[in-house]
PDB file of N, CA and C in Angstrom:
ATOM      1  N   MET A   1     -19.240 120.825 111.627  1.00  0.00           N
ATOM      2  CA  MET A   1     -18.041 120.760 110.825  1.00  0.00           C
ATOM      3  C   MET A   1     -16.919 120.030 111.564  1.00  0.00           C
ATOM      4  N   LYS A   2     -16.793 120.283 112.864  1.00  0.00           N
ATOM      5  CA  LYS A   2     -15.760 119.605 113.639  1.00  0.00           C
ATOM      6  C   LYS A   2     -16.013 118.104 113.687  1.00  0.00           C
ATOM      7  N   ARG A   3     -17.282 117.735 113.746  1.00  0.00           N
ATOM      8  CA  ARG A   3     -17.627 116.309 113.800  1.00  0.00           C
ATOM      9  C   ARG A   3     -17.243 115.602 112.501  1.00  0.00           C
ATOM     10  N   VAL A   4     -17.494 116.230 111.369  1.00  0.00           N
ATOM     11  CA  VAL A   4     -17.135 115.655 110.068  1.00  0.00           C
ATOM     12  C   VAL A   4     -15.625 115.529 109.956  1.00  0.00           C
ATOM     13  N   LEU A   5     -14.899 116.553 110.373  1.00  0.00           N
ATOM     14  CA  LEU A   5     -13.440 116.513 110.340  1.00  0.00           C
ATOM     15  C   LEU A   5     -12.907 115.405 111.243  1.00  0.00           C
ATOM     16  N   PHE A   6     -13.486 115.265 112.417  1.00  0.00           N
ATOM     17  CA  PHE A   6     -13.084 114.200 113.340  1.00  0.00           C
ATOM     18  C   PHE A   6     -13.318 112.823 112.715  1.00  0.00           C
ATOM     19  N   ILE A   7     -14.463 112.631 112.086  1.00  0.00           N
ATOM     20  CA  ILE A   7     -14.775 111.341 111.453  1.00  0.00           C
ATOM     21  C   ILE A   7     -13.804 111.055 110.321  1.00  0.00           C
ATOM     22  N   ILE A   8     -13.465 112.049 109.532  1.00  0.00           N
ATOM     23  CA  ILE A   8     -12.509 111.858 108.438  1.00  0.00           C
ATOM     24  C   ILE A   8     -11.136 111.502 108.986  1.00  0.00           C
ATOM     25  N   ILE A   9     -10.696 112.190 110.031  1.00  0.00           N
ATOM     26  CA  ILE A   9      -9.383 111.904 110.629  1.00  0.00           C
ATOM     27  C   ILE A   9      -9.358 110.488 111.192  1.00  0.00           C
ATOM     28  N   VAL A  10     -10.391 110.070 111.884  1.00  0.00           N
ATOM     29  CA  VAL A  10     -10.449 108.715 112.444  1.00  0.00           C
ATOM     30  C   VAL A  10     -10.456 107.688 111.319  1.00  0.00           C
ATOM     31  N   PHE A  11     -11.194 107.943 110.257  1.00  0.00           N
ATOM     32  CA  PHE A  11     -11.255 107.012 109.123  1.00  0.00           C
ATOM     33  C   PHE A  11      -9.886 106.871 108.468  1.00  0.00           C
ATOM     34  N   VAL A  12      -9.220 107.988 108.207  1.00  0.00           N
ATOM     35  CA  VAL A  12      -7.894 107.949 107.579  1.00  0.00           C
ATOM     36  C   VAL A  12      -6.901 107.236 108.490  1.00  0.00           C
ATOM     37  N   PHE A  13      -6.930 107.537 109.763  1.00  0.00           N
ATOM     38  CA  PHE A  13      -6.023 106.878 110.713  1.00  0.00           C
ATOM     39  C   PHE A  13      -6.270 105.373 110.737  1.00  0.00           C
ATOM     40  N   THR A  14      -7.533 104.967 110.708  1.00  0.00           N
ATOM     41  CA  THR A  14      -7.871 103.546 110.722  1.00  0.00           C
ATOM     42  C   THR A  14      -7.348 102.850 109.474  1.00  0.00           C
ATOM     43  N   ILE A  15      -7.519 103.468 108.328  1.00  0.00           N
ATOM     44  CA  ILE A  15      -7.048 102.871 107.075  1.00  0.00           C
ATOM     45  C   ILE A  15      -5.518 102.784 107.050  1.00  0.00           C
ATOM     46  N   LEU A  16      -4.837 103.822 107.494  1.00  0.00           N
ATOM     47  CA  LEU A  16      -3.376 103.836 107.443  1.00  0.00           C
ATOM     48  C   LEU A  16      -2.729 102.956 108.499  1.00  0.00           C
ATOM     49  N   SER A  17      -3.432 102.617 109.553  1.00  0.00           N
ATOM     50  CA  SER A  17      -2.835 101.819 110.611  1.00  0.00           C
ATOM     51  C   SER A  17      -2.966 100.320 110.367  1.00  0.00           C
ATOM     52  N   CYS A  18      -3.641  99.922 109.307  1.00  0.00           N
ATOM     53  CA  CYS A  18      -3.791  98.498 108.990  1.00  0.00           C
ATOM     54  C   CYS A  18      -2.474  97.953 108.452  1.00  0.00           C
ATOM     55  N   THR A  19      -2.167  96.723 108.809  1.00  0.00           N
ATOM     56  CA  THR A  19      -0.973  96.061 108.290  1.00  0.00           C
ATOM     57  C   THR A  19      -1.376  94.752 107.642  1.00  0.00           C
ATOM     58  N   LYS A  20      -0.647  94.396 106.614  1.00  0.00           N
ATOM     59  CA  LYS A  20      -0.910  93.144 105.918  1.00  0.00           C
ATOM     60  C   LYS A  20      -0.261  92.014 106.697  1.00  0.00           C
ATOM     61  N   GLU A  21      -1.023  90.951 106.899  1.00  0.00           N
ATOM     62  CA  GLU A  21      -0.513  89.804 107.639  1.00  0.00           C
ATOM     63  C   GLU A  21       0.413  88.993 106.744  1.00  0.00           C
ATOM     64  N   GLU A  22       1.571  88.640 107.255  1.00  0.00           N
ATOM     65  CA  GLU A  22       2.527  87.852 106.491  1.00  0.00           C
ATOM     66  C   GLU A  22       2.075  86.394 106.441  1.00  0.00           C
ATOM     67  N   PRO A  23       2.186  85.760 105.287  1.00  0.00           N
ATOM     68  CA  PRO A  23       1.806  84.337 105.209  1.00  0.00           C
ATOM     69  C   PRO A  23       2.822  83.468 105.939  1.00  0.00           C
ATOM     70  N   TYR A  24       2.384  82.285 106.300  1.00  0.00           N
ATOM     71  CA  TYR A  24       3.295  81.358 106.956  1.00  0.00           C
ATOM     72  C   TYR A  24       4.365  80.902 105.975  1.00  0.00           C
ATOM     73  N   PRO A  25       5.602  80.745 106.438  1.00  0.00           N
ATOM     74  CA  PRO A  25       6.657  80.277 105.531  1.00  0.00           C
ATOM     75  C   PRO A  25       6.421  78.814 105.141  1.00  0.00           C
ATOM     76  N   HIS A  26       6.949  78.442 104.004  1.00  0.00           N
ATOM     77  CA  HIS A  26       6.823  77.064 103.529  1.00  0.00           C
ATOM     78  C   HIS A  26       7.572  76.153 104.498  1.00  0.00           C
ATOM     79  N   PRO A  27       6.965  75.034 104.909  1.00  0.00           N
ATOM     80  CA  PRO A  27       7.612  74.173 105.902  1.00  0.00           C
ATOM     81  C   PRO A  27       8.827  73.421 105.365  1.00  0.00           C
ATOM     82  N   CYS A  28       9.004  73.401 104.069  1.00  0.00           N
ATOM     83  CA  CYS A  28      10.122  72.675 103.479  1.00  0.00           C
ATOM     84  C   CYS A  28      11.140  73.661 102.918  1.00  0.00           C
ATOM     85  N   VAL A  29      12.396  73.464 103.263  1.00  0.00           N
ATOM     86  CA  VAL A  29      13.454  74.329 102.766  1.00  0.00           C
ATOM     87  C   VAL A  29      13.717  73.976 101.304  1.00  0.00           C
ATOM     88  N   ASN A  30      13.766  74.965 100.453  1.00  0.00           N
ATOM     89  CA  ASN A  30      14.020  74.798  99.020  1.00  0.00           C
ATOM     90  C   ASN A  30      13.023  73.852  98.354  1.00  0.00           C
ATOM     91  N   ASP A  31      11.816  73.783  98.871  1.00  0.00           N
ATOM     92  CA  ASP A  31      10.766  72.894  98.353  1.00  0.00           C
ATOM     93  C   ASP A  31      11.232  71.439  98.259  1.00  0.00           C
ATOM     94  N   ASN A  32      12.166  71.057  99.095  1.00  0.00           N
ATOM     95  CA  ASN A  32      12.680  69.697  99.119  1.00  0.00           C
ATOM     96  C   ASN A  32      12.205  69.069 100.427  1.00  0.00           C
ATOM     97  N   CYS A  33      11.007  68.518 100.391  1.00  0.00           N
ATOM     98  CA  CYS A  33      10.381  68.049 101.619  1.00  0.00           C
ATOM     99  C   CYS A  33      10.001  66.575 101.492  1.00  0.00           C
ATOM    100  N   ILE A  34      10.445  65.818 102.426  1.00  0.00           N
ATOM    101  CA  ILE A  34      10.067  64.412 102.483  1.00  0.00           C
ATOM    102  C   ILE A  34       9.343  64.213 103.807  1.00  0.00           C
ATOM    103  N   ALA A  35       8.071  63.869 103.718  1.00  0.00           N
ATOM    104  CA  ALA A  35       7.274  63.671 104.920  1.00  0.00           C
ATOM    105  C   ALA A  35       6.621  62.300 104.851  1.00  0.00           C
ATOM    106  N   ASP A  36       6.501  61.679 105.979  1.00  0.00           N
ATOM    107  CA  ASP A  36       5.862  60.373 106.061  1.00  0.00           C
ATOM    108  C   ASP A  36       4.721  60.494 107.056  1.00  0.00           C
ATOM    109  N   TYR A  37       3.495  60.407 106.572  1.00  0.00           N
ATOM    110  CA  TYR A  37       2.342  60.511 107.448  1.00  0.00           C
ATOM    111  C   TYR A  37       1.244  59.580 106.965  1.00  0.00           C
ATOM    112  N   THR A  38       0.334  59.284 107.872  1.00  0.00           N
ATOM    113  CA  THR A  38      -0.791  58.396 107.590  1.00  0.00           C
ATOM    114  C   THR A  38      -2.075  59.108 107.983  1.00  0.00           C
ATOM    115  N   VAL A  39      -3.052  59.095 107.092  1.00  0.00           N
ATOM    116  CA  VAL A  39      -4.356  59.675 107.376  1.00  0.00           C
ATOM    117  C   VAL A  39      -5.245  58.545 107.881  1.00  0.00           C
ATOM    118  N   VAL A  40      -5.874  58.766 109.063  1.00  0.00           N
ATOM    119  CA  VAL A  40      -6.703  57.736 109.691  1.00  0.00           C
ATOM    120  C   VAL A  40      -8.120  58.280 109.835  1.00  0.00           C
ATOM    121  N   TYR A  41      -9.091  57.494 109.374  1.00  0.00           N
ATOM    122  CA  TYR A  41     -10.502  57.852 109.504  1.00  0.00           C
ATOM    123  C   TYR A  41     -11.245  56.607 109.928  1.00  0.00           C
ATOM    124  N   LEU A  42     -11.970  56.691 111.024  1.00  0.00           N
ATOM    125  CA  LEU A  42     -12.699  55.555 111.611  1.00  0.00           C
ATOM    126  C   LEU A  42     -11.781  54.380 111.919  1.00  0.00           C
ATOM    127  N   GLY A  43     -10.559  54.690 112.327  1.00  0.00           N
ATOM    128  CA  GLY A  43      -9.617  53.645 112.708  1.00  0.00           C
ATOM    129  C   GLY A  43      -8.920  52.969 111.544  1.00  0.00           C
ATOM    130  N   ASP A  44      -9.234  53.346 110.307  1.00  0.00           N
ATOM    131  CA  ASP A  44      -8.609  52.749 109.127  1.00  0.00           C
ATOM    132  C   ASP A  44      -7.656  53.753 108.480  1.00  0.00           C
ATOM    133  N   SER A  45      -6.521  53.246 108.010  1.00  0.00           N
ATOM    134  CA  SER A  45      -5.577  54.084 107.283  1.00  0.00           C
ATOM    135  C   SER A  45      -6.083  54.290 105.867  1.00  0.00           C
ATOM    136  N   LEU A  46      -5.958  55.513 105.371  1.00  0.00           N
ATOM    137  CA  LEU A  46      -6.382  55.826 104.012  1.00  0.00           C
ATOM    138  C   LEU A  46      -5.171  55.960 103.111  1.00  0.00           C
ATOM    139  N   ASN A  47      -5.317  55.602 101.868  1.00  0.00           N
ATOM    140  CA  ASN A  47      -4.252  55.729 100.881  1.00  0.00           C
ATOM    141  C   ASN A  47      -4.655  56.763  99.841  1.00  0.00           C
ATOM    142  N   GLU A  48      -3.651  57.403  99.241  1.00  0.00           N
ATOM    143  CA  GLU A  48      -3.913  58.387  98.200  1.00  0.00           C
ATOM    144  C   GLU A  48      -4.412  57.686  96.941  1.00  0.00           C
ATOM    145  N   ASN A  49      -5.277  58.381  96.189  1.00  0.00           N
ATOM    146  CA  ASN A  49      -5.676  57.851  94.895  1.00  0.00           C
ATOM    147  C   ASN A  49      -4.655  58.309  93.855  1.00  0.00           C
ATOM    148  N   SER A  50      -4.896  58.025  92.586  1.00  0.00           N
ATOM    149  CA  SER A  50      -3.927  58.354  91.539  1.00  0.00           C
ATOM    150  C   SER A  50      -3.762  59.860  91.349  1.00  0.00           C
ATOM    151  N   ASP A  51      -4.729  60.660  91.808  1.00  0.00           N
ATOM    152  CA  ASP A  51      -4.642  62.116  91.687  1.00  0.00           C
ATOM    153  C   ASP A  51      -3.969  62.761  92.898  1.00  0.00           C
ATOM    154  N   GLY A  52      -3.608  61.983  93.905  1.00  0.00           N
ATOM    155  CA  GLY A  52      -2.954  62.503  95.096  1.00  0.00           C
ATOM    156  C   GLY A  52      -3.914  62.951  96.176  1.00  0.00           C
ATOM    157  N   TYR A  53      -5.187  62.581  96.062  1.00  0.00           N
ATOM    158  CA  TYR A  53      -6.194  62.929  97.068  1.00  0.00           C
ATOM    159  C   TYR A  53      -6.563  61.697  97.877  1.00  0.00           C
ATOM    160  N   TYR A  54      -7.049  61.964  99.085  1.00  0.00           N
ATOM    161  CA  TYR A  54      -7.528  60.891  99.937  1.00  0.00           C
ATOM    162  C   TYR A  54      -9.050  60.838  99.822  1.00  0.00           C
ATOM    163  N   GLU A  55      -9.566  59.697  99.419  1.00  0.00           N
ATOM    164  CA  GLU A  55     -11.013  59.531  99.302  1.00  0.00           C
ATOM    165  C   GLU A  55     -11.500  58.659 100.448  1.00  0.00           C
ATOM    166  N   LEU A  56     -12.659  59.024 100.985  1.00  0.00           N
ATOM    167  CA  LEU A  56     -13.228  58.227 102.064  1.00  0.00           C
ATOM    168  C   LEU A  56     -14.736  58.235 101.953  1.00  0.00           C
ATOM    169  N   GLN A  57     -15.346  57.216 102.521  1.00  0.00           N
ATOM    170  CA  GLN A  57     -16.799  57.141 102.603  1.00  0.00           C
ATOM    171  C   GLN A  57     -17.209  57.903 103.849  1.00  0.00           C
ATOM    172  N   TYR A  58     -17.930  59.026 103.685  1.00  0.00           N
ATOM    173  CA  TYR A  58     -18.297  59.882 104.808  1.00  0.00           C
ATOM    174  C   TYR A  58     -19.244  59.137 105.733  1.00  0.00           C
ATOM    175  N   ALA A  59     -18.913  59.136 107.032  1.00  0.00           N
ATOM    176  CA  ALA A  59     -19.717  58.414 108.019  1.00  0.00           C
ATOM    177  C   ALA A  59     -20.267  59.359 109.089  1.00  0.00           C
ATOM    178  N   GLY A  60     -20.311  60.658 108.808  1.00  0.00           N
ATOM    179  CA  GLY A  60     -20.886  61.594 109.753  1.00  0.00           C
ATOM    180  C   GLY A  60     -19.898  62.216 110.723  1.00  0.00           C
ATOM    181  N   LEU A  61     -18.651  61.781 110.719  1.00  0.00           N
ATOM    182  CA  LEU A  61     -17.663  62.364 111.614  1.00  0.00           C
ATOM    183  C   LEU A  61     -17.076  63.624 110.969  1.00  0.00           C
ATOM    184  N   ASN A  62     -16.819  64.625 111.777  1.00  0.00           N
ATOM    185  CA  ASN A  62     -16.280  65.872 111.265  1.00  0.00           C
ATOM    186  C   ASN A  62     -14.789  66.016 111.531  1.00  0.00           C
ATOM    187  N   TYR A  63     -14.079  64.908 111.617  1.00  0.00           N
ATOM    188  CA  TYR A  63     -12.646  64.969 111.864  1.00  0.00           C
ATOM    189  C   TYR A  63     -11.950  63.734 111.311  1.00  0.00           C
ATOM    190  N   PHE A  64     -10.659  63.814 111.184  1.00  0.00           N
ATOM    191  CA  PHE A  64      -9.810  62.674 110.846  1.00  0.00           C
ATOM    192  C   PHE A  64      -8.500  62.883 111.585  1.00  0.00           C
ATOM    193  N   GLN A  65      -7.639  61.876 111.571  1.00  0.00           N
ATOM    194  CA  GLN A  65      -6.363  61.952 112.277  1.00  0.00           C
ATOM    195  C   GLN A  65      -5.213  61.865 111.274  1.00  0.00           C
ATOM    196  N   ILE A  66      -4.119  62.490 111.618  1.00  0.00           N
ATOM    197  CA  ILE A  66      -2.892  62.352 110.842  1.00  0.00           C
ATOM    198  C   ILE A  66      -1.813  61.879 111.805  1.00  0.00           C
ATOM    199  N   LYS A  67      -1.208  60.760 111.487  1.00  0.00           N
ATOM    200  CA  LYS A  67      -0.148  60.206 112.344  1.00  0.00           C
ATOM    201  C   LYS A  67       1.150  60.216 111.594  1.00  0.00           C
TER     202      LYS A  67
END
């Protein structure tokens, strides 16, 4: 009986001691953000398409650069 009570107390303590992680704040104040950056893949600068995404021909590299 003591073992069951101990397990219940530890379980309740574990659940109550959890805290929710705060999300990172938005990097732009008042959502008014002007940023100038270039996406580079295989030494070439990429441009956004009409949908606002960067499209590239995958060449096996698992990274890209942002300048």
